[in-house]
Protein backbone atom coordinates (compact mmCIF):
# COMPACT_ATOMS: atom_id res chain seq x y z
CA MET A 1 41.51 -3.63 40.73
CA ARG A 2 44.01 -5.46 41.83
CA VAL A 3 45.99 -7.18 39.15
CA ALA A 4 48.43 -10.10 38.73
CA PRO A 5 51.59 -9.05 36.11
CA SER A 6 50.13 -11.09 33.75
CA GLY A 7 47.46 -8.88 33.52
CA GLY A 8 44.97 -11.04 35.27
CA VAL A 9 42.49 -9.77 37.64
CA ILE A 10 42.73 -10.71 40.83
CA GLY A 11 40.80 -8.97 42.97
CA TRP A 12 38.76 -6.15 44.21
CA ASP A 13 40.62 -3.17 46.77
CA MET A 14 38.18 -4.35 49.48
CA GLY A 15 38.78 -0.76 51.10
CA THR A 16 38.11 1.22 48.25
CA ALA A 17 35.03 -0.72 47.94
CA LEU A 18 33.68 -0.74 51.67
CA ALA A 19 34.51 3.16 51.46
CA LEU A 20 32.07 3.47 48.52
CA ALA A 21 29.44 1.44 49.97
CA LEU A 22 30.13 4.05 52.98
CA ALA A 23 29.72 7.02 51.17
CA LEU A 24 26.69 5.49 48.96
CA GLY A 25 24.69 4.86 52.67
CA VAL A 26 24.96 1.49 52.76
CA CYS A 27 25.26 -0.95 55.85
CA PRO A 28 28.99 -1.56 56.02
CA ILE A 29 28.50 -4.71 57.63
CA ALA A 30 25.96 -6.12 54.68
CA THR A 31 28.84 -4.80 52.56
CA ALA A 32 31.21 -7.01 54.30
CA GLU A 33 29.05 -9.72 53.83
CA ILE A 34 28.20 -9.76 51.02
CA LEU A 35 31.47 -8.27 48.67
CA PRO A 36 33.63 -11.00 48.43
CA ALA A 37 30.46 -13.74 46.70
CA ILE A 38 30.63 -10.69 44.16
CA GLU A 39 34.24 -10.26 43.84
CA ALA A 40 34.92 -13.86 43.01
CA VAL A 41 31.57 -13.43 40.11
CA MET A 42 33.67 -10.39 38.94
CA VAL A 43 37.24 -11.81 39.01
CA ARG A 44 35.98 -15.32 37.53
CA LYS A 45 33.75 -13.72 34.78
CA LEU A 46 36.81 -11.19 33.86
CA ASN A 47 39.06 -13.69 33.15
CA GLU A 48 37.08 -15.21 31.14
CA GLN A 49 36.25 -12.44 29.33
CA MET A 50 40.01 -11.21 28.50
CA ASP A 51 40.89 -15.10 27.69
CA LYS A 52 38.76 -15.42 24.61
């Protein structure tokens, strides 16, 4: 994860996420298409939980 100095989550390290997907045998093209949408939801939800 990439975290701001204030402690908020701002995203994933996409290079690492793509490397993990490759290691698991997931198609890199599909991964590159799907990960940004998943990342956006994850960032929003984690930051909501930290605000509580």
